[in-house]
Amino acid sequence: MNKTLLVIEDDKNLQEYLKELFVEESYSVKTLDDGTKAVEVIERIRPDLVILDLGLPLVKGESVLMQIKKEWPTLPIIILTGKNTPMDKINAFETGADDYVTKPFISEELLLRVKARLKENQPENNILKVEDLQINTDTMEVKRGSRKIELTPQEYKLLEHLMNNREKVLSRETLLNRIWPNSFDIETRVVDVYISYLRKKVDKGFKKKLIHSIRGFGYSIR
């Protein structure tokens, strides 16, 4: 599957150049002229990496960086900017930047940095991740951020199935047949009960909720 990059850059010529550069490397690319809709667009397209200019109109790039990292702490962000003082770089890294490239830049170097950040962010085969929630399928350890979460076997199986199908809407019937395949006398409302259990353990105390009800359809984790 092609990786998706979001380029937030107000210089139209540079924006077009970056788009062509990344498309030639088989990336899917979305561009924005400023950072006012960055969070909205990321929510919609779920990019694998963001290229962010700090010298943006309307909203400062530093503020956009902070907003993105607040909502998606694991989303890699490479700063691409004309700001090149040591303090600019220190502030960006302290705010959450994963890499920092100054203009003018060498295209080959930028591509290598993009590839490196995408590789670093690639989960191991035994790790399932959704935002800051992760499951180690070898040890069955579940963590959200630094908090370890204790689950019953059925809760674990339900959460693992949701995470294996992240972004997808799964009906109650689908979940029932997958988690309780041989229990023909169990009603679909048991799914609602166990989703409630999971929410208390996975989402309670966190500003960003990951388990969502899709009215009339079922449940999704995103």
C-alpha atoms as a PDB file:
ATOM      1  CA  MET A   1       0.000   0.000   0.000  1.00  0.00           C
ATOM      2  CA  ASN A   2       1.360   3.452  -0.925  1.00  0.00           C
ATOM      3  CA  LYS A   3       2.236   5.705   1.964  1.00  0.00           C
ATOM      4  CA  THR A   4       0.381   9.010   2.192  1.00  0.00           C
ATOM      5  CA  LEU A   5       2.229  12.265   2.860  1.00  0.00           C
ATOM      6  CA  LEU A   6       0.670  15.570   3.873  1.00  0.00           C
ATOM      7  CA  VAL A   7       2.672  18.624   2.765  1.00  0.00           C
ATOM      8  CA  ILE A   8       1.801  21.889   4.539  1.00  0.00           C
ATOM      9  CA  GLU A   9       3.608  24.623   2.606  1.00  0.00           C
ATOM     10  CA  ASP A  10       2.377  28.071   1.508  1.00  0.00           C
ATOM     11  CA  ASP A  11       4.913  28.566  -1.302  1.00  0.00           C
ATOM     12  CA  LYS A  12       2.960  27.304  -4.319  1.00  0.00           C
ATOM     13  CA  ASN A  13       6.025  26.601  -6.450  1.00  0.00           C
ATOM     14  CA  LEU A  14       7.734  24.641  -3.696  1.00  0.00           C
ATOM     15  CA  GLN A  15       4.479  22.876  -2.889  1.00  0.00           C
ATOM     16  CA  GLU A  16       4.160  21.666  -6.474  1.00  0.00           C
ATOM     17  CA  TYR A  17       7.814  20.660  -6.594  1.00  0.00           C
ATOM     18  CA  LEU A  18       7.468  18.590  -3.406  1.00  0.00           C
ATOM     19  CA  LYS A  19       4.317  16.957  -4.685  1.00  0.00           C
ATOM     20  CA  GLU A  20       6.031  15.915  -7.926  1.00  0.00           C
ATOM     21  CA  LEU A  21       9.103  14.748  -6.009  1.00  0.00           C
ATOM     22  CA  PHE A  22       7.105  12.479  -3.707  1.00  0.00           C
ATOM     23  CA  VAL A  23       4.686  11.222  -6.377  1.00  0.00           C
ATOM     24  CA  GLU A  24       7.685  10.085  -8.430  1.00  0.00           C
ATOM     25  CA  GLU A  25       8.662   7.973  -5.415  1.00  0.00           C
ATOM     26  CA  SER A  26       5.180   6.376  -5.426  1.00  0.00           C
ATOM     27  CA  TYR A  27       3.824   8.285  -2.435  1.00  0.00           C
ATOM     28  CA  SER A  28       0.278   9.607  -2.319  1.00  0.00           C
ATOM     29  CA  VAL A  29       0.433  13.332  -1.588  1.00  0.00           C
ATOM     30  CA  LYS A  30      -2.042  15.831  -0.156  1.00  0.00           C
ATOM     31  CA  THR A  31      -1.090  19.516   0.060  1.00  0.00           C
ATOM     32  CA  LEU A  32      -2.266  22.442   2.175  1.00  0.00           C
ATOM     33  CA  ASP A  33      -1.441  26.160   1.866  1.00  0.00           C
ATOM     34  CA  ASP A  34      -1.729  26.845   5.585  1.00  0.00           C
ATOM     35  CA  GLY A  35      -2.295  25.042   8.864  1.00  0.00           C
ATOM     36  CA  THR A  36      -5.850  26.085   9.671  1.00  0.00           C
ATOM     37  CA  LYS A  37      -7.341  22.806   8.397  1.00  0.00           C
ATOM     38  CA  ALA A  38      -4.413  20.535   9.238  1.00  0.00           C
ATOM     39  CA  VAL A  39      -6.140  18.659  12.058  1.00  0.00           C
ATOM     40  CA  GLU A  40      -9.332  18.263  10.013  1.00  0.00           C
ATOM     41  CA  VAL A  41      -7.457  16.921   6.977  1.00  0.00           C
ATOM     42  CA  ILE A  42      -5.333  14.533   9.052  1.00  0.00           C
ATOM     43  CA  GLU A  43      -8.490  13.151  10.655  1.00  0.00           C
ATOM     44  CA  ARG A  44      -9.884  12.508   7.178  1.00  0.00           C
ATOM     45  CA  ILE A  45      -6.925  11.136   5.214  1.00  0.00           C
ATOM     46  CA  ARG A  46      -4.774   9.656   8.023  1.00  0.00           C
ATOM     47  CA  PRO A  47      -1.363  10.415   6.461  1.00  0.00           C
ATOM     48  CA  ASP A  48       1.694   8.355   7.335  1.00  0.00           C
ATOM     49  CA  LEU A  49       3.928  11.432   7.597  1.00  0.00           C
ATOM     50  CA  VAL A  50       3.646  15.232   7.554  1.00  0.00           C
ATOM     51  CA  ILE A  51       6.042  17.737   5.944  1.00  0.00           C
ATOM     52  CA  LEU A  52       5.484  21.050   7.751  1.00  0.00           C
ATOM     53  CA  ASP A  53       6.762  24.562   7.016  1.00  0.00           C
ATOM     54  CA  LEU A  54       7.084  26.789  10.090  1.00  0.00           C
ATOM     55  CA  GLY A  55       6.638  30.065   8.203  1.00  0.00           C
ATOM     56  CA  LEU A  56       2.948  29.670   7.471  1.00  0.00           C
ATOM     57  CA  PRO A  57       0.288  32.376   7.117  1.00  0.00           C
ATOM     58  CA  LEU A  58      -2.738  32.627   9.445  1.00  0.00           C
ATOM     59  CA  VAL A  59      -1.456  30.097  11.996  1.00  0.00           C
ATOM     60  CA  LYS A  60       2.204  29.723  12.935  1.00  0.00           C
ATOM     61  CA  GLY A  61       3.804  26.444  11.988  1.00  0.00           C
ATOM     62  CA  GLU A  62       4.895  25.930  15.589  1.00  0.00           C
ATOM     63  CA  SER A  63       1.249  26.050  16.688  1.00  0.00           C
ATOM     64  CA  VAL A  64       0.252  23.601  13.959  1.00  0.00           C
ATOM     65  CA  LEU A  65       3.030  21.248  15.089  1.00  0.00           C
ATOM     66  CA  MET A  66       1.766  21.414  18.664  1.00  0.00           C
ATOM     67  CA  GLN A  67      -1.851  20.774  17.626  1.00  0.00           C
ATOM     68  CA  ILE A  68      -0.945  17.765  15.481  1.00  0.00           C
ATOM     69  CA  LYS A  69       1.270  16.166  18.115  1.00  0.00           C
ATOM     70  CA  LYS A  70      -1.409  16.680  20.744  1.00  0.00           C
ATOM     71  CA  GLU A  71      -3.908  14.691  18.682  1.00  0.00           C
ATOM     72  CA  TRP A  72      -1.538  12.225  16.986  1.00  0.00           C
ATOM     73  CA  PRO A  73       1.624  11.896  19.101  1.00  0.00           C
ATOM     74  CA  THR A  74       3.039   9.048  17.007  1.00  0.00           C
ATOM     75  CA  LEU A  75       2.531  10.707  13.594  1.00  0.00           C
ATOM     76  CA  PRO A  76       5.994  11.554  12.171  1.00  0.00           C
ATOM     77  CA  ILE A  77       6.493  15.234  11.317  1.00  0.00           C
ATOM     78  CA  ILE A  78       9.458  16.584   9.361  1.00  0.00           C
ATOM     79  CA  ILE A  79       9.941  20.344   9.591  1.00  0.00           C
ATOM     80  CA  LEU A  80      10.956  21.918   6.264  1.00  0.00           C
ATOM     81  CA  THR A  81      11.674  25.591   6.858  1.00  0.00           C
ATOM     82  CA  GLY A  82      13.874  28.606   6.261  1.00  0.00           C
ATOM     83  CA  LYS A  83      14.255  29.085  10.013  1.00  0.00           C
ATOM     84  CA  ASN A  84      17.738  27.825  10.766  1.00  0.00           C
ATOM     85  CA  THR A  85      18.857  29.117  14.167  1.00  0.00           C
ATOM     86  CA  PRO A  86      19.770  26.600  16.884  1.00  0.00           C
ATOM     87  CA  MET A  87      16.885  27.874  19.033  1.00  0.00           C
ATOM     88  CA  ASP A  88      14.388  27.336  16.186  1.00  0.00           C
ATOM     89  CA  LYS A  89      15.504  23.719  15.954  1.00  0.00           C
ATOM     90  CA  ILE A  90      15.502  23.174  19.722  1.00  0.00           C
ATOM     91  CA  ASN A  91      11.978  24.593  20.063  1.00  0.00           C
ATOM     92  CA  ALA A  92      10.696  22.425  17.204  1.00  0.00           C
ATOM     93  CA  PHE A  93      12.151  19.226  18.640  1.00  0.00           C
ATOM     94  CA  GLU A  94      10.867  20.068  22.112  1.00  0.00           C
ATOM     95  CA  THR A  95       7.390  20.586  20.631  1.00  0.00           C
ATOM     96  CA  GLY A  96       7.496  17.149  19.027  1.00  0.00           C
ATOM     97  CA  ALA A  97       9.161  17.407  15.607  1.00  0.00           C
ATOM     98  CA  ASP A  98      10.739  14.149  14.461  1.00  0.00           C
ATOM     99  CA  ASP A  99      13.205  15.735  12.031  1.00  0.00           C
ATOM    100  CA  TYR A 100      14.279  19.191  10.868  1.00  0.00           C
ATOM    101  CA  VAL A 101      15.391  20.167   7.354  1.00  0.00           C
ATOM    102  CA  THR A 102      16.343  23.737   6.440  1.00  0.00           C
ATOM    103  CA  LYS A 103      15.794  25.467   3.107  1.00  0.00           C
ATOM    104  CA  PRO A 104      17.429  25.362   0.636  1.00  0.00           C
ATOM    105  CA  PHE A 105      17.534  21.579   0.810  1.00  0.00           C
ATOM    106  CA  ILE A 106      18.856  18.662  -1.199  1.00  0.00           C
ATOM    107  CA  SER A 107      15.983  16.600  -2.605  1.00  0.00           C
ATOM    108  CA  GLU A 108      17.783  13.284  -2.218  1.00  0.00           C
ATOM    109  CA  GLU A 109      18.477  14.015   1.446  1.00  0.00           C
ATOM    110  CA  LEU A 110      14.842  14.920   2.102  1.00  0.00           C
ATOM    111  CA  LEU A 111      13.674  11.685   0.458  1.00  0.00           C
ATOM    112  CA  LEU A 112      16.076   9.665   2.592  1.00  0.00           C
ATOM    113  CA  ARG A 113      14.826  11.366   5.735  1.00  0.00           C
ATOM    114  CA  VAL A 114      11.211  10.651   4.764  1.00  0.00           C
ATOM    115  CA  LYS A 115      12.012   6.984   4.150  1.00  0.00           C
ATOM    116  CA  ALA A 116      13.877   6.744   7.456  1.00  0.00           C
ATOM    117  CA  ARG A 117      10.997   8.239   9.463  1.00  0.00           C
ATOM    118  CA  LEU A 118       8.438   6.008   7.787  1.00  0.00           C
ATOM    119  CA  LYS A 119      10.566   2.956   8.496  1.00  0.00           C
ATOM    120  CA  GLU A 120      10.973   3.941  12.157  1.00  0.00           C
ATOM    121  CA  ASN A 121       7.224   4.343  12.466  1.00  0.00           C
ATOM    122  CA  GLN A 122       6.502   0.932  10.943  1.00  0.00           C
ATOM    123  CA  PRO A 123       5.217  -1.307  13.762  1.00  0.00           C
ATOM    124  CA  GLU A 124       6.787  -4.653  14.426  1.00  0.00           C
ATOM    125  CA  ASN A 125       4.812  -7.655  13.197  1.00  0.00           C
ATOM    126  CA  ASN A 126       3.782  -8.558  16.737  1.00  0.00           C
ATOM    127  CA  ILE A 127       2.680  -5.029  17.661  1.00  0.00           C
ATOM    128  CA  LEU A 128      -0.748  -3.586  16.889  1.00  0.00           C
ATOM    129  CA  LYS A 129      -1.056   0.181  17.336  1.00  0.00           C
ATOM    130  CA  VAL A 130      -3.850   2.725  17.199  1.00  0.00           C
ATOM    131  CA  GLU A 131      -2.620   6.146  18.284  1.00  0.00           C
ATOM    132  CA  ASP A 132      -0.983   5.571  21.711  1.00  0.00           C
ATOM    133  CA  LEU A 133      -2.788   2.253  22.290  1.00  0.00           C
ATOM    134  CA  GLN A 134      -0.801  -0.880  21.534  1.00  0.00           C
ATOM    135  CA  ILE A 135      -1.037  -4.645  21.867  1.00  0.00           C
ATOM    136  CA  ASN A 136       1.901  -7.021  21.848  1.00  0.00           C
ATOM    137  CA  THR A 137       0.298 -10.097  20.326  1.00  0.00           C
ATOM    138  CA  ASP A 138       3.164 -12.318  21.521  1.00  0.00           C
ATOM    139  CA  THR A 139       2.917 -11.398  25.207  1.00  0.00           C
ATOM    140  CA  MET A 140      -0.723 -10.188  25.085  1.00  0.00           C
ATOM    141  CA  GLU A 141       0.387  -7.050  26.902  1.00  0.00           C
ATOM    142  CA  VAL A 142      -1.901  -4.059  26.360  1.00  0.00           C
ATOM    143  CA  LYS A 143      -0.765  -0.482  27.004  1.00  0.00           C
ATOM    144  CA  ARG A 144      -2.102   2.979  26.385  1.00  0.00           C
ATOM    145  CA  GLY A 145       0.696   5.469  26.639  1.00  0.00           C
ATOM    146  CA  SER A 146       2.627   4.372  29.722  1.00  0.00           C
ATOM    147  CA  ARG A 147      -0.441   2.805  31.371  1.00  0.00           C
ATOM    148  CA  LYS A 148      -0.691  -0.967  31.377  1.00  0.00           C
ATOM    149  CA  ILE A 149      -4.227  -2.280  30.821  1.00  0.00           C
ATOM    150  CA  GLU A 150      -5.451  -5.559  32.272  1.00  0.00           C
ATOM    151  CA  LEU A 151      -8.088  -7.310  30.138  1.00  0.00           C
ATOM    152  CA  THR A 152     -10.080 -10.503  30.451  1.00  0.00           C
ATOM    153  CA  PRO A 153      -9.604 -13.048  27.606  1.00  0.00           C
ATOM    154  CA  GLN A 154     -12.837 -11.989  25.890  1.00  0.00           C
ATOM    155  CA  GLU A 155     -12.031  -8.286  26.248  1.00  0.00           C
ATOM    156  CA  TYR A 156      -8.587  -8.926  24.795  1.00  0.00           C
ATOM    157  CA  LYS A 157      -9.961 -10.851  21.797  1.00  0.00           C
ATOM    158  CA  LEU A 158     -12.513  -8.127  21.110  1.00  0.00           C
ATOM    159  CA  LEU A 159      -9.915  -5.347  21.295  1.00  0.00           C
ATOM    160  CA  GLU A 160      -7.431  -7.271  19.153  1.00  0.00           C
ATOM    161  CA  HIS A 161     -10.073  -7.838  16.466  1.00  0.00           C
ATOM    162  CA  LEU A 162     -11.028  -4.159  16.462  1.00  0.00           C
ATOM    163  CA  MET A 163      -7.371  -3.136  16.140  1.00  0.00           C
ATOM    164  CA  ASN A 164      -6.740  -5.632  13.351  1.00  0.00           C
ATOM    165  CA  ASN A 165      -9.599  -3.898  11.537  1.00  0.00           C
ATOM    166  CA  ARG A 166      -8.848  -0.307  12.539  1.00  0.00           C
ATOM    167  CA  GLU A 167     -10.944   2.327  10.765  1.00  0.00           C
ATOM    168  CA  LYS A 168     -13.457  -0.327   9.663  1.00  0.00           C
ATOM    169  CA  VAL A 169     -17.006  -0.384  11.034  1.00  0.00           C
ATOM    170  CA  LEU A 170     -17.783  -3.848  12.411  1.00  0.00           C
ATOM    171  CA  SER A 171     -21.386  -4.850  13.054  1.00  0.00           C
ATOM    172  CA  ARG A 172     -22.513  -6.453  16.301  1.00  0.00           C
ATOM    173  CA  GLU A 173     -23.252  -9.657  14.401  1.00  0.00           C
ATOM    174  CA  THR A 174     -19.738  -9.726  12.924  1.00  0.00           C
ATOM    175  CA  LEU A 175     -18.143  -9.207  16.333  1.00  0.00           C
ATOM    176  CA  LEU A 176     -20.418 -11.760  17.976  1.00  0.00           C
ATOM    177  CA  ASN A 177     -19.586 -14.421  15.384  1.00  0.00           C
ATOM    178  CA  ARG A 178     -15.879 -13.651  15.617  1.00  0.00           C
ATOM    179  CA  ILE A 179     -15.465 -13.487  19.409  1.00  0.00           C
ATOM    180  CA  TRP A 180     -18.202 -15.916  20.492  1.00  0.00           C
ATOM    181  CA  PRO A 181     -18.423 -18.230  17.419  1.00  0.00           C
ATOM    182  CA  ASN A 182     -19.954 -21.280  19.123  1.00  0.00           C
ATOM    183  CA  SER A 183     -22.334 -19.549  21.528  1.00  0.00           C
ATOM    184  CA  PHE A 184     -25.555 -19.622  19.547  1.00  0.00           C
ATOM    185  CA  ASP A 185     -27.677 -18.657  22.529  1.00  0.00           C
ATOM    186  CA  ILE A 186     -25.823 -15.378  23.179  1.00  0.00           C
ATOM    187  CA  GLU A 187     -27.554 -12.213  21.986  1.00  0.00           C
ATOM    188  CA  THR A 188     -25.790  -9.390  20.153  1.00  0.00           C
ATOM    189  CA  ARG A 189     -26.243  -7.114  23.161  1.00  0.00           C
ATOM    190  CA  VAL A 190     -23.335  -8.937  24.799  1.00  0.00           C
ATOM    191  CA  VAL A 191     -21.154  -7.038  22.323  1.00  0.00           C
ATOM    192  CA  ASP A 192     -22.470  -3.729  23.704  1.00  0.00           C
ATOM    193  CA  VAL A 193     -21.667  -4.903  27.228  1.00  0.00           C
ATOM    194  CA  TYR A 194     -18.084  -5.816  26.360  1.00  0.00           C
ATOM    195  CA  ILE A 195     -17.561  -2.621  24.366  1.00  0.00           C
ATOM    196  CA  SER A 196     -18.611  -0.776  27.524  1.00  0.00           C
ATOM    197  CA  TYR A 197     -16.036  -2.742  29.529  1.00  0.00           C
ATOM    198  CA  LEU A 198     -13.322  -1.883  27.001  1.00  0.00           C
ATOM    199  CA  ARG A 199     -14.179   1.811  26.980  1.00  0.00           C
ATOM    200  CA  LYS A 200     -13.782   1.992  30.740  1.00  0.00           C
ATOM    201  CA  LYS A 201     -10.326   0.442  30.484  1.00  0.00           C
ATOM    202  CA  VAL A 202      -9.061   1.913  27.208  1.00  0.00           C
ATOM    203  CA  ASP A 203     -10.650   5.371  26.936  1.00  0.00           C
ATOM    204  CA  LYS A 204     -11.480   6.443  30.492  1.00  0.00           C
ATOM    205  CA  GLY A 205      -9.158   9.207  31.629  1.00  0.00           C
ATOM    206  CA  PHE A 206      -7.941  10.007  28.107  1.00  0.00           C
ATOM    207  CA  LYS A 207      -9.096  13.096  26.199  1.00  0.00           C
ATOM    208  CA  LYS A 208      -9.010  11.336  22.829  1.00  0.00           C
ATOM    209  CA  LYS A 209     -11.484   8.461  22.633  1.00  0.00           C
ATOM    210  CA  LEU A 210     -10.546   5.571  20.365  1.00  0.00           C
ATOM    211  CA  ILE A 211     -13.572   3.251  20.482  1.00  0.00           C
ATOM    212  CA  HIS A 212     -16.525   4.692  18.561  1.00  0.00           C
ATOM    213  CA  SER A 213     -20.163   3.711  18.140  1.00  0.00           C
ATOM    214  CA  ILE A 214     -21.502   4.110  14.608  1.00  0.00           C
ATOM    215  CA  ARG A 215     -25.234   4.349  15.146  1.00  0.00           C
ATOM    216  CA  GLY A 216     -27.177   1.742  13.234  1.00  0.00           C
ATOM    217  CA  PHE A 217     -24.036  -0.052  12.055  1.00  0.00           C
ATOM    218  CA  GLY A 218     -21.712  -1.135  14.867  1.00  0.00           C
ATOM    219  CA  TYR A 219     -18.314  -0.219  16.299  1.00  0.00           C
ATOM    220  CA  SER A 220     -14.959   1.014  15.122  1.00  0.00           C
ATOM    221  CA  ILE A 221     -11.580   1.855  16.618  1.00  0.00           C
ATOM    222  CA  ARG A 222      -9.772   4.866  15.117  1.00  0.00           C
END
